[in-house]
Amino acid sequence: MANPTITKCLIGEARMNFVHVFAPDSFDDKSEPKYSVVLSFPKTNKELYKKIESAINECAEKAKAQYGGTLPKKFSIVEIQDGADWDEKFNLEDSFIIKASSSYKPEVVKKAKVMGKVQLVPITDEEEFYSGCYGYASVSFYKYDTGVSKGITCGLNSVLKSRDGEKLGSGSGNVEADYAGVLDDVDEFEDNEDVF
């Protein structure tokens, strides 16, 4: 039976953070591994903020109707978070954030020309969709009730990559640029023969 509280919403364009769309991941040993992504978008994008807020409120109203007009106590509702509340190392202070997750593998797609026709095609190379790229996410807000906890959460349906961005958390970089300012301070190898 379909969940009558489901409220779909298209979020984007957003930056993809903590991407786990190809394999499920768990933050600890106790929680169920899930596919997930943390979506961040500029605080200046008030239109997108209102769109997400409206979808959450619509879902809450549907849930309220199921409970006879009043939500139960200790009913948790997913929120749009302020990036400034996150660790500053993530550089999200100018962004709003929402996390979407699913027990089921989401579709991961991009726009491409196939035989002269623009289509959505699957992304199968995990290097192509990464933390730091940009895209859109189809999500569903819905009511859950496990018996122990109740609330509204954000489910991840699919993601569409729109463009590349600087990779986050990869530790990669351009070595020439990284060490340009200190090369003169580093001794050369004693053996100056060609390495290769």
N, C-alpha and C. Protein backbone atom coordinates (compact mmCIF):
# COMPACT_ATOMS: atom_id res chain seq x y z
N MET A 1 0.85 -1.20 0.00
CA MET A 1 0.00 0.00 0.00
C MET A 1 0.88 1.25 0.00
N ALA A 2 0.59 2.17 -0.90
CA ALA A 2 1.39 3.38 -1.02
C ALA A 2 1.23 4.27 0.21
N ASN A 3 2.29 4.96 0.54
CA ASN A 3 2.27 5.89 1.67
C ASN A 3 1.57 7.18 1.22
N PRO A 4 0.39 7.50 1.79
CA PRO A 4 -0.36 8.68 1.33
C PRO A 4 0.29 10.01 1.69
N THR A 5 1.34 9.98 2.50
CA THR A 5 1.98 11.24 2.90
C THR A 5 3.11 11.63 1.96
N ILE A 6 3.45 10.78 1.00
CA ILE A 6 4.59 11.05 0.11
C ILE A 6 4.40 12.37 -0.64
N THR A 7 5.42 13.21 -0.56
CA THR A 7 5.43 14.49 -1.26
C THR A 7 6.75 14.60 -2.00
N LYS A 8 6.68 14.55 -3.34
CA LYS A 8 7.92 14.59 -4.14
C LYS A 8 8.39 16.03 -4.32
N CYS A 9 9.71 16.16 -4.47
CA CYS A 9 10.31 17.48 -4.65
C CYS A 9 11.60 17.33 -5.46
N LEU A 10 11.82 18.24 -6.39
CA LEU A 10 13.07 18.25 -7.15
C LEU A 10 13.98 19.30 -6.55
N ILE A 11 15.13 18.87 -6.05
CA ILE A 11 16.08 19.78 -5.41
C ILE A 11 17.25 20.02 -6.36
N GLY A 12 17.51 21.26 -6.63
CA GLY A 12 18.65 21.58 -7.49
C GLY A 12 18.55 22.99 -8.03
N GLU A 13 19.64 23.42 -8.59
CA GLU A 13 20.93 22.76 -8.68
C GLU A 13 21.60 22.81 -7.30
N ALA A 14 22.18 21.69 -6.88
CA ALA A 14 22.81 21.60 -5.57
C ALA A 14 24.18 20.95 -5.70
N ARG A 15 25.02 21.20 -4.72
CA ARG A 15 26.32 20.54 -4.69
C ARG A 15 26.16 19.23 -3.92
N MET A 16 26.78 18.19 -4.45
CA MET A 16 26.69 16.87 -3.85
C MET A 16 27.82 16.67 -2.83
N ASN A 17 27.46 16.36 -1.60
CA ASN A 17 28.43 16.14 -0.53
C ASN A 17 28.20 14.75 0.07
N PHE A 18 29.27 14.15 0.57
CA PHE A 18 29.17 12.84 1.23
C PHE A 18 28.36 11.87 0.37
N VAL A 19 28.80 11.72 -0.87
CA VAL A 19 28.08 10.92 -1.86
C VAL A 19 28.24 9.42 -1.62
N HIS A 20 27.10 8.73 -1.46
CA HIS A 20 27.06 7.26 -1.34
C HIS A 20 25.88 6.78 -2.18
N VAL A 21 25.99 6.94 -3.50
CA VAL A 21 24.89 6.57 -4.38
C VAL A 21 25.14 5.27 -5.14
N PHE A 22 26.35 4.76 -5.07
CA PHE A 22 26.67 3.51 -5.77
C PHE A 22 26.71 2.31 -4.82
N ALA A 23 26.96 2.59 -3.55
CA ALA A 23 26.99 1.52 -2.55
C ALA A 23 26.48 2.11 -1.23
N PRO A 24 25.70 1.36 -0.47
CA PRO A 24 25.19 1.88 0.80
C PRO A 24 26.30 2.05 1.82
N ASP A 25 26.09 2.97 2.74
CA ASP A 25 27.11 3.26 3.75
C ASP A 25 26.42 3.49 5.09
N SER A 26 27.13 3.18 6.14
CA SER A 26 26.61 3.37 7.50
C SER A 26 27.58 4.22 8.29
N PHE A 27 27.04 5.18 9.06
CA PHE A 27 27.90 6.04 9.86
C PHE A 27 28.47 5.30 11.07
N ASP A 28 27.78 4.25 11.48
CA ASP A 28 28.28 3.44 12.60
C ASP A 28 27.83 1.99 12.40
N ASP A 29 28.27 1.13 13.28
CA ASP A 29 27.96 -0.29 13.14
C ASP A 29 26.51 -0.62 13.49
N LYS A 30 25.82 0.31 14.15
CA LYS A 30 24.47 0.04 14.62
C LYS A 30 23.38 0.38 13.60
N SER A 31 23.64 1.37 12.75
CA SER A 31 22.60 1.80 11.81
C SER A 31 22.66 1.03 10.49
N GLU A 32 21.50 0.95 9.85
CA GLU A 32 21.38 0.23 8.58
C GLU A 32 22.13 1.00 7.48
N PRO A 33 22.98 0.32 6.71
CA PRO A 33 23.65 1.00 5.59
C PRO A 33 22.63 1.50 4.58
N LYS A 34 22.81 2.74 4.11
CA LYS A 34 21.87 3.33 3.16
C LYS A 34 22.62 4.07 2.06
N TYR A 35 21.93 4.23 0.94
CA TYR A 35 22.41 5.10 -0.13
C TYR A 35 22.05 6.52 0.30
N SER A 36 22.96 7.46 0.10
CA SER A 36 22.65 8.80 0.58
C SER A 36 23.51 9.87 -0.10
N VAL A 37 23.05 11.09 0.04
CA VAL A 37 23.81 12.26 -0.40
C VAL A 37 23.36 13.45 0.43
N VAL A 38 24.30 14.33 0.74
CA VAL A 38 23.99 15.57 1.44
C VAL A 38 23.99 16.67 0.38
N LEU A 39 22.85 17.32 0.21
CA LEU A 39 22.68 18.35 -0.82
C LEU A 39 22.87 19.73 -0.21
N SER A 40 23.76 20.52 -0.78
CA SER A 40 23.95 21.88 -0.28
C SER A 40 23.69 22.88 -1.40
N PHE A 41 23.07 23.99 -1.05
CA PHE A 41 22.77 25.03 -2.03
C PHE A 41 22.95 26.39 -1.37
N PRO A 42 23.27 27.43 -2.16
CA PRO A 42 23.56 28.75 -1.59
C PRO A 42 22.39 29.34 -0.80
N LYS A 43 22.71 30.03 0.28
CA LYS A 43 21.68 30.68 1.08
C LYS A 43 20.95 31.76 0.29
N THR A 44 21.57 32.23 -0.77
CA THR A 44 20.93 33.25 -1.61
C THR A 44 19.81 32.68 -2.46
N ASN A 45 19.75 31.33 -2.57
CA ASN A 45 18.71 30.70 -3.37
C ASN A 45 17.45 30.52 -2.52
N LYS A 46 16.78 31.62 -2.28
CA LYS A 46 15.58 31.62 -1.42
C LYS A 46 14.42 30.84 -2.06
N GLU A 47 14.37 30.86 -3.38
CA GLU A 47 13.29 30.16 -4.09
C GLU A 47 13.37 28.65 -3.84
N LEU A 48 14.57 28.10 -3.90
CA LEU A 48 14.73 26.67 -3.64
C LEU A 48 14.43 26.34 -2.19
N TYR A 49 14.87 27.21 -1.28
CA TYR A 49 14.58 27.01 0.14
C TYR A 49 13.07 26.92 0.37
N LYS A 50 12.33 27.85 -0.21
CA LYS A 50 10.87 27.87 -0.03
C LYS A 50 10.22 26.64 -0.64
N LYS A 51 10.75 26.19 -1.78
CA LYS A 51 10.21 25.01 -2.45
C LYS A 51 10.35 23.77 -1.57
N ILE A 52 11.53 23.60 -0.97
CA ILE A 52 11.77 22.44 -0.09
C ILE A 52 10.93 22.56 1.17
N GLU A 53 10.90 23.75 1.76
CA GLU A 53 10.11 23.99 2.97
C GLU A 53 8.64 23.70 2.72
N SER A 54 8.15 24.11 1.56
CA SER A 54 6.75 23.88 1.22
C SER A 54 6.43 22.39 1.11
N ALA A 55 7.37 21.62 0.51
CA ALA A 55 7.17 20.17 0.38
C ALA A 55 7.15 19.50 1.75
N ILE A 56 8.03 19.93 2.64
CA ILE A 56 8.07 19.37 4.00
C ILE A 56 6.75 19.68 4.72
N ASN A 57 6.29 20.93 4.61
CA ASN A 57 5.04 21.34 5.27
C ASN A 57 3.84 20.58 4.72
N GLU A 58 3.83 20.37 3.40
CA GLU A 58 2.73 19.62 2.78
C GLU A 58 2.69 18.19 3.31
N CYS A 59 3.87 17.58 3.42
CA CYS A 59 3.95 16.22 3.96
C CYS A 59 3.48 16.18 5.41
N ALA A 60 3.87 17.20 6.19
CA ALA A 60 3.46 17.26 7.60
C ALA A 60 1.95 17.39 7.73
N GLU A 61 1.33 18.16 6.83
CA GLU A 61 -0.13 18.30 6.86
C GLU A 61 -0.82 16.98 6.53
N LYS A 62 -0.26 16.23 5.58
CA LYS A 62 -0.81 14.92 5.24
C LYS A 62 -0.69 13.97 6.43
N ALA A 63 0.44 14.03 7.12
CA ALA A 63 0.66 13.17 8.29
C ALA A 63 -0.29 13.56 9.42
N LYS A 64 -0.48 14.87 9.57
CA LYS A 64 -1.37 15.37 10.62
C LYS A 64 -2.79 14.84 10.42
N ALA A 65 -3.23 14.80 9.17
CA ALA A 65 -4.57 14.30 8.86
C ALA A 65 -4.70 12.83 9.24
N GLN A 66 -3.61 12.08 9.09
CA GLN A 66 -3.64 10.66 9.45
C GLN A 66 -3.74 10.46 10.96
N TYR A 67 -3.23 11.45 11.71
CA TYR A 67 -3.28 11.35 13.17
C TYR A 67 -4.46 12.12 13.76
N GLY A 68 -5.45 12.43 12.93
CA GLY A 68 -6.65 13.08 13.45
C GLY A 68 -6.50 14.58 13.68
N GLY A 69 -5.52 15.20 13.02
CA GLY A 69 -5.38 16.65 13.11
C GLY A 69 -4.26 17.14 14.00
N THR A 70 -3.63 16.25 14.75
CA THR A 70 -2.54 16.66 15.64
C THR A 70 -1.39 15.65 15.55
N LEU A 71 -0.20 16.15 15.33
CA LEU A 71 0.95 15.25 15.27
C LEU A 71 1.29 14.75 16.67
N PRO A 72 1.74 13.51 16.78
CA PRO A 72 2.08 12.98 18.10
C PRO A 72 3.28 13.70 18.72
N LYS A 73 3.40 13.56 20.03
CA LYS A 73 4.58 14.09 20.71
C LYS A 73 5.80 13.31 20.24
N LYS A 74 6.96 13.94 20.29
CA LYS A 74 8.21 13.33 19.85
C LYS A 74 8.14 12.88 18.39
N PHE A 75 7.49 13.71 17.58
CA PHE A 75 7.39 13.47 16.15
C PHE A 75 8.49 14.28 15.48
N SER A 76 9.43 13.60 14.85
CA SER A 76 10.60 14.25 14.27
C SER A 76 10.36 14.64 12.81
N ILE A 77 10.64 15.89 12.47
CA ILE A 77 10.47 16.35 11.09
C ILE A 77 11.82 16.80 10.55
N VAL A 78 12.19 16.24 9.40
CA VAL A 78 13.45 16.60 8.76
C VAL A 78 13.49 18.11 8.53
N GLU A 79 14.67 18.70 8.67
CA GLU A 79 14.80 20.15 8.53
C GLU A 79 15.86 20.50 7.50
N ILE A 80 15.71 21.69 6.93
CA ILE A 80 16.78 22.27 6.12
C ILE A 80 17.79 22.84 7.12
N GLN A 81 19.01 22.36 7.07
CA GLN A 81 20.01 22.78 8.05
C GLN A 81 20.83 23.97 7.56
N ASP A 82 21.34 24.72 8.51
CA ASP A 82 22.24 25.83 8.22
C ASP A 82 23.67 25.28 8.17
N GLY A 83 24.35 25.46 7.05
CA GLY A 83 25.71 24.95 6.91
C GLY A 83 26.68 25.53 7.92
N ALA A 84 26.34 26.70 8.49
CA ALA A 84 27.20 27.32 9.49
C ALA A 84 27.25 26.49 10.77
N ASP A 85 26.27 25.61 10.96
CA ASP A 85 26.24 24.76 12.15
C ASP A 85 27.11 23.52 11.98
N TRP A 86 27.61 23.29 10.77
CA TRP A 86 28.48 22.15 10.51
C TRP A 86 29.92 22.53 10.81
N ASP A 87 30.78 21.54 10.91
CA ASP A 87 32.20 21.77 11.13
C ASP A 87 32.73 22.70 10.03
N GLU A 88 33.49 23.71 10.44
CA GLU A 88 33.97 24.71 9.48
C GLU A 88 34.89 24.12 8.40
N LYS A 89 35.44 22.94 8.66
CA LYS A 89 36.32 22.33 7.66
C LYS A 89 35.56 21.96 6.38
N PHE A 90 34.23 21.88 6.45
CA PHE A 90 33.44 21.54 5.27
C PHE A 90 33.10 22.76 4.41
N ASN A 91 33.40 23.97 4.92
CA ASN A 91 33.17 25.21 4.16
C ASN A 91 31.73 25.35 3.66
N LEU A 92 30.79 25.10 4.55
CA LEU A 92 29.38 25.15 4.17
C LEU A 92 28.62 26.31 4.82
N GLU A 93 29.37 27.27 5.38
CA GLU A 93 28.72 28.35 6.11
C GLU A 93 27.81 29.23 5.24
N ASP A 94 28.03 29.24 3.94
CA ASP A 94 27.18 30.03 3.05
C ASP A 94 26.09 29.20 2.38
N SER A 95 25.87 28.00 2.90
CA SER A 95 24.93 27.08 2.27
C SER A 95 23.85 26.59 3.23
N PHE A 96 22.72 26.19 2.64
CA PHE A 96 21.72 25.41 3.35
C PHE A 96 21.91 23.96 2.94
N ILE A 97 21.51 23.04 3.81
CA ILE A 97 21.80 21.62 3.59
C ILE A 97 20.58 20.77 3.91
N ILE A 98 20.42 19.72 3.11
CA ILE A 98 19.43 18.70 3.46
C ILE A 98 19.98 17.34 3.01
N LYS A 99 19.78 16.34 3.84
CA LYS A 99 20.28 15.00 3.53
C LYS A 99 19.14 14.13 3.04
N ALA A 100 19.42 13.38 1.98
CA ALA A 100 18.43 12.43 1.44
C ALA A 100 19.05 11.04 1.44
N SER A 101 18.27 10.04 1.81
CA SER A 101 18.81 8.67 1.86
C SER A 101 17.74 7.66 1.46
N SER A 102 18.20 6.45 1.16
CA SER A 102 17.27 5.40 0.75
C SER A 102 17.88 4.03 1.01
N SER A 103 17.03 3.07 1.29
CA SER A 103 17.48 1.68 1.41
C SER A 103 17.66 1.06 0.02
N TYR A 104 17.08 1.72 -1.00
CA TYR A 104 17.15 1.22 -2.37
C TYR A 104 18.11 2.08 -3.19
N LYS A 105 18.80 1.44 -4.11
CA LYS A 105 19.78 2.15 -4.93
C LYS A 105 19.09 3.17 -5.83
N PRO A 106 19.51 4.44 -5.74
CA PRO A 106 18.89 5.46 -6.59
C PRO A 106 19.43 5.39 -8.01
N GLU A 107 18.65 5.88 -8.95
CA GLU A 107 19.15 6.01 -10.31
C GLU A 107 20.11 7.20 -10.35
N VAL A 108 21.24 7.02 -11.03
CA VAL A 108 22.25 8.07 -11.16
C VAL A 108 22.42 8.32 -12.66
N VAL A 109 22.04 9.51 -13.12
CA VAL A 109 22.00 9.75 -14.56
C VAL A 109 22.68 11.07 -14.94
N LYS A 110 22.90 11.20 -16.26
CA LYS A 110 23.40 12.45 -16.84
C LYS A 110 22.72 12.64 -18.19
N LYS A 111 22.79 13.86 -18.71
CA LYS A 111 22.22 14.16 -20.02
C LYS A 111 23.29 13.87 -21.07
N ALA A 112 22.90 13.17 -22.13
CA ALA A 112 23.85 12.84 -23.19
C ALA A 112 23.11 12.69 -24.51
N LYS A 113 23.86 12.86 -25.60
CA LYS A 113 23.28 12.65 -26.93
C LYS A 113 23.49 11.21 -27.33
N VAL A 114 22.40 10.54 -27.64
CA VAL A 114 22.44 9.15 -28.10
C VAL A 114 21.79 9.10 -29.47
N MET A 115 22.62 8.80 -30.47
CA MET A 115 22.14 8.75 -31.86
C MET A 115 21.42 10.05 -32.24
N GLY A 116 22.03 11.17 -31.84
CA GLY A 116 21.50 12.48 -32.20
C GLY A 116 20.36 12.98 -31.34
N LYS A 117 19.92 12.18 -30.39
CA LYS A 117 18.80 12.57 -29.53
C LYS A 117 19.28 12.73 -28.08
N VAL A 118 18.89 13.84 -27.44
CA VAL A 118 19.27 14.08 -26.04
C VAL A 118 18.46 13.17 -25.14
N GLN A 119 19.16 12.41 -24.30
CA GLN A 119 18.50 11.48 -23.39
C GLN A 119 19.18 11.50 -22.02
N LEU A 120 18.51 10.91 -21.06
CA LEU A 120 19.14 10.67 -19.76
C LEU A 120 19.73 9.28 -19.79
N VAL A 121 21.02 9.17 -19.49
CA VAL A 121 21.70 7.87 -19.53
C VAL A 121 22.31 7.59 -18.16
N PRO A 122 22.39 6.33 -17.77
CA PRO A 122 22.96 5.98 -16.47
C PRO A 122 24.43 6.33 -16.37
N ILE A 123 24.85 6.76 -15.19
CA ILE A 123 26.27 6.92 -14.88
C ILE A 123 26.71 5.65 -14.16
N THR A 124 27.63 4.94 -14.75
CA THR A 124 28.10 3.69 -14.14
C THR A 124 29.50 3.82 -13.57
N ASP A 125 30.25 4.82 -14.05
CA ASP A 125 31.61 5.06 -13.56
C ASP A 125 31.51 5.86 -12.26
N GLU A 126 31.90 5.25 -11.17
CA GLU A 126 31.78 5.89 -9.86
C GLU A 126 32.64 7.14 -9.74
N GLU A 127 33.68 7.26 -10.59
CA GLU A 127 34.53 8.44 -10.56
C GLU A 127 33.81 9.66 -11.17
N GLU A 128 32.74 9.41 -11.90
CA GLU A 128 32.06 10.49 -12.62
C GLU A 128 31.05 11.23 -11.74
N PHE A 129 30.52 10.56 -10.73
CA PHE A 129 29.57 11.21 -9.82
C PHE A 129 30.18 11.14 -8.43
N TYR A 130 30.60 12.28 -7.91
CA TYR A 130 31.46 12.31 -6.72
C TYR A 130 31.09 13.48 -5.82
N SER A 131 31.60 13.46 -4.61
CA SER A 131 31.41 14.58 -3.69
C SER A 131 32.10 15.81 -4.25
N GLY A 132 31.31 16.84 -4.53
CA GLY A 132 31.85 18.06 -5.10
C GLY A 132 31.24 18.40 -6.44
N CYS A 133 30.64 17.40 -7.13
CA CYS A 133 29.98 17.71 -8.40
C CYS A 133 28.62 18.33 -8.10
N TYR A 134 27.98 18.83 -9.15
CA TYR A 134 26.69 19.51 -9.01
C TYR A 134 25.60 18.74 -9.73
N GLY A 135 24.38 18.91 -9.26
CA GLY A 135 23.29 18.22 -9.92
C GLY A 135 21.95 18.48 -9.27
N TYR A 136 20.99 17.68 -9.68
CA TYR A 136 19.62 17.75 -9.18
C TYR A 136 19.28 16.42 -8.51
N ALA A 137 18.40 16.48 -7.54
CA ALA A 137 17.99 15.25 -6.86
C ALA A 137 16.48 15.20 -6.75
N SER A 138 15.91 14.08 -7.16
CA SER A 138 14.49 13.84 -6.95
C SER A 138 14.36 13.17 -5.59
N VAL A 139 13.62 13.81 -4.68
CA VAL A 139 13.46 13.28 -3.34
C VAL A 139 11.98 13.15 -3.01
N SER A 140 11.69 12.37 -1.99
CA SER A 140 10.31 12.23 -1.50
C SER A 140 10.32 12.40 0.01
N PHE A 141 9.52 13.34 0.48
CA PHE A 141 9.31 13.47 1.92
C PHE A 141 8.14 12.56 2.29
N TYR A 142 8.30 11.81 3.36
CA TYR A 142 7.24 10.89 3.74
C TYR A 142 7.28 10.61 5.25
N LYS A 143 6.11 10.20 5.75
CA LYS A 143 5.99 9.86 7.17
C LYS A 143 6.47 8.44 7.41
N TYR A 144 7.22 8.24 8.50
CA TYR A 144 7.61 6.89 8.91
C TYR A 144 7.13 6.66 10.34
N ASP A 145 6.89 5.42 10.67
CA ASP A 145 6.46 5.05 12.02
C ASP A 145 6.99 3.65 12.29
N THR A 146 8.07 3.58 13.07
CA THR A 146 8.69 2.28 13.35
C THR A 146 8.12 1.64 14.61
N GLY A 147 7.24 2.37 15.28
CA GLY A 147 6.75 1.89 16.56
C GLY A 147 7.57 2.47 17.69
N VAL A 148 8.86 2.64 17.43
CA VAL A 148 9.77 3.25 18.42
C VAL A 148 9.90 4.75 18.14
N SER A 149 9.98 5.10 16.87
CA SER A 149 10.10 6.51 16.49
C SER A 149 9.16 6.83 15.34
N LYS A 150 8.74 8.10 15.30
CA LYS A 150 7.83 8.58 14.26
C LYS A 150 8.35 9.89 13.72
N GLY A 151 8.05 10.16 12.46
CA GLY A 151 8.47 11.45 11.92
C GLY A 151 8.35 11.52 10.41
N ILE A 152 8.98 12.56 9.87
CA ILE A 152 9.04 12.76 8.42
C ILE A 152 10.50 12.78 8.02
N THR A 153 10.84 12.06 6.98
CA THR A 153 12.21 11.99 6.52
C THR A 153 12.28 12.31 5.03
N CYS A 154 13.50 12.37 4.51
CA CYS A 154 13.71 12.72 3.11
C CYS A 154 14.32 11.51 2.39
N GLY A 155 13.54 10.92 1.48
CA GLY A 155 14.00 9.75 0.74
C GLY A 155 14.61 10.15 -0.59
N LEU A 156 15.67 9.47 -0.96
CA LEU A 156 16.38 9.74 -2.22
C LEU A 156 15.86 8.83 -3.32
N ASN A 157 15.36 9.43 -4.41
CA ASN A 157 14.85 8.66 -5.55
C ASN A 157 15.90 8.51 -6.65
N SER A 158 16.46 9.63 -7.08
CA SER A 158 17.42 9.62 -8.18
C SER A 158 18.22 10.92 -8.17
N VAL A 159 19.35 10.91 -8.90
CA VAL A 159 20.17 12.11 -9.02
C VAL A 159 20.56 12.32 -10.48
N LEU A 160 20.63 13.58 -10.89
CA LEU A 160 21.02 13.96 -12.25
C LEU A 160 22.23 14.88 -12.15
N LYS A 161 23.36 14.45 -12.68
CA LYS A 161 24.56 15.30 -12.65
C LYS A 161 24.40 16.41 -13.67
N SER A 162 24.70 17.67 -13.25
CA SER A 162 24.60 18.80 -14.15
C SER A 162 25.97 19.32 -14.59
N ARG A 163 26.96 19.25 -13.70
CA ARG A 163 28.30 19.73 -14.06
C ARG A 163 29.32 19.26 -13.03
N ASP A 164 30.58 19.38 -13.42
CA ASP A 164 31.66 19.01 -12.51
C ASP A 164 31.92 20.12 -11.51
N GLY A 165 32.61 19.76 -10.44
CA GLY A 165 33.03 20.72 -9.42
C GLY A 165 34.30 20.21 -8.77
N GLU A 166 34.84 20.99 -7.88
CA GLU A 166 36.07 20.57 -7.19
C GLU A 166 35.75 19.39 -6.28
N LYS A 167 36.52 18.33 -6.41
CA LYS A 167 36.28 17.15 -5.59
C LYS A 167 36.50 17.47 -4.12
N LEU A 168 35.62 16.93 -3.29
CA LEU A 168 35.70 17.15 -1.85
C LEU A 168 36.21 15.91 -1.15
N GLY A 169 37.09 16.09 -0.20
CA GLY A 169 37.54 14.99 0.64
C GLY A 169 38.35 13.94 -0.05
N SER A 170 38.84 14.23 -1.26
CA SER A 170 39.59 13.21 -1.99
C SER A 170 41.06 13.23 -1.61
N GLY A 171 41.51 14.38 -1.09
CA GLY A 171 42.93 14.50 -0.76
C GLY A 171 43.77 14.73 -2.00
N SER A 172 43.14 14.80 -3.17
CA SER A 172 43.89 14.98 -4.40
C SER A 172 44.15 16.45 -4.65
N GLY A 173 45.07 16.73 -5.53
CA GLY A 173 45.39 18.11 -5.87
C GLY A 173 46.41 18.14 -6.98
N ASN A 174 46.83 19.32 -7.34
CA ASN A 174 47.86 19.50 -8.36
C ASN A 174 49.18 19.67 -7.63
N VAL A 175 50.09 18.69 -7.76
CA VAL A 175 51.34 18.74 -6.99
C VAL A 175 52.20 19.92 -7.39
N GLU A 176 52.20 20.30 -8.65
CA GLU A 176 53.01 21.45 -9.08
C GLU A 176 52.54 22.72 -8.36
N ALA A 177 51.22 22.89 -8.28
CA ALA A 177 50.66 24.07 -7.61
C ALA A 177 50.81 23.97 -6.10
N ASP A 178 50.64 22.76 -5.56
CA ASP A 178 50.71 22.57 -4.11
C ASP A 178 52.08 22.96 -3.55
N TYR A 179 53.15 22.63 -4.30
CA TYR A 179 54.51 22.81 -3.77
C TYR A 179 55.30 23.91 -4.45
N ALA A 180 54.63 24.74 -5.25
CA ALA A 180 55.32 25.79 -6.01
C ALA A 180 56.11 26.73 -5.11
N GLY A 181 55.55 27.06 -3.96
CA GLY A 181 56.20 28.04 -3.09
C GLY A 181 57.34 27.51 -2.23
N VAL A 182 57.54 26.20 -2.23
CA VAL A 182 58.57 25.64 -1.35
C VAL A 182 59.64 24.84 -2.09
N LEU A 183 59.54 24.74 -3.39
CA LEU A 183 60.49 23.91 -4.14
C LEU A 183 61.93 24.36 -3.96
N ASP A 184 62.15 25.69 -3.87
CA ASP A 184 63.52 26.20 -3.70
C ASP A 184 64.11 25.82 -2.36
N ASP A 185 63.25 25.48 -1.39
CA ASP A 185 63.73 25.13 -0.05
C ASP A 185 64.00 23.64 0.11
N VAL A 186 63.70 22.87 -0.92
CA VAL A 186 63.85 21.42 -0.84
C VAL A 186 65.12 21.00 -1.57
N ASP A 187 65.94 20.18 -0.90
CA ASP A 187 67.19 19.71 -1.51
C ASP A 187 66.90 18.76 -2.66
N GLU A 188 67.77 18.80 -3.66
CA GLU A 188 67.65 17.86 -4.75
C GLU A 188 68.20 16.51 -4.31
N PHE A 189 67.83 15.46 -5.04
CA PHE A 189 68.42 14.15 -4.76
C PHE A 189 69.92 14.21 -5.01
N GLU A 190 70.68 13.46 -4.23
CA GLU A 190 72.13 13.42 -4.43
C GLU A 190 72.45 12.86 -5.81
N ASP A 191 71.70 11.86 -6.23
CA ASP A 191 71.87 11.27 -7.56
C ASP A 191 70.98 12.04 -8.52
N ASN A 192 71.61 12.88 -9.36
CA ASN A 192 70.84 13.74 -10.25
C ASN A 192 70.51 13.11 -11.59
N GLU A 193 70.69 11.82 -11.69
CA GLU A 193 70.36 11.17 -12.95
C GLU A 193 68.85 11.18 -13.13
N ASP A 194 68.45 11.06 -14.39
CA ASP A 194 67.02 11.03 -14.67
C ASP A 194 66.36 9.89 -13.91
N VAL A 195 65.21 10.20 -13.31
CA VAL A 195 64.49 9.17 -12.55
C VAL A 195 63.89 8.14 -13.48
N PHE A 196 63.42 8.58 -14.64
CA PHE A 196 62.77 7.65 -15.57
C PHE A 196 63.64 7.41 -16.77
